[in-house]
Amino acid sequence: MLKSIHHAAIICSDYEKSKHFYTAILGLEVIAENYREPRDSYKLDLKLPNGGQIELFSFPNPPARPSFPEALGLRHLAFCVDSVESMSDYLVSKDVKVEPIRIDEYTQKKFTFFNDPDGLPLELYEQKSTL
């Protein structure tokens, strides 16, 4: 039986730029960082607050992939936040372009989209903590 998502894997074009984005801007904690010499590749394991992970990979000359929200495949990666407005304001202060905040027509929850350094669509979805 499936219990949860363990991790999402992301291949980036500029490892240092993406590492900075996910750690310094989004605030994810580094679990492990490994250089895999035979592949000329880095693998960075990042901890999400709920225990899930993001694996950030670098490979020499990865092929381009459409990254538009309506392209075939994974549509986007969404992060739960207590306040879409405050996280959106924070990202804008870090020179990250954020779309206008919208309301989900079915749940009435606030959400918005932004992109990582490679244009991967990321979403902020408001889900206030119940603690």
Foldseek 3Di string as FASTA:
>chain_A
DDDDAQEAEEEDADVVQLVCCVCVQVNWDWPDWDQDVVQRKIWTWTADPVNHIYIYMYGPPDDDDDQDLPDPDDNAAEDEDQDPVVSCVSCVVVVWDKDDWDADPPPRWIKTWTAGPVRHIYMYTYDHDPD
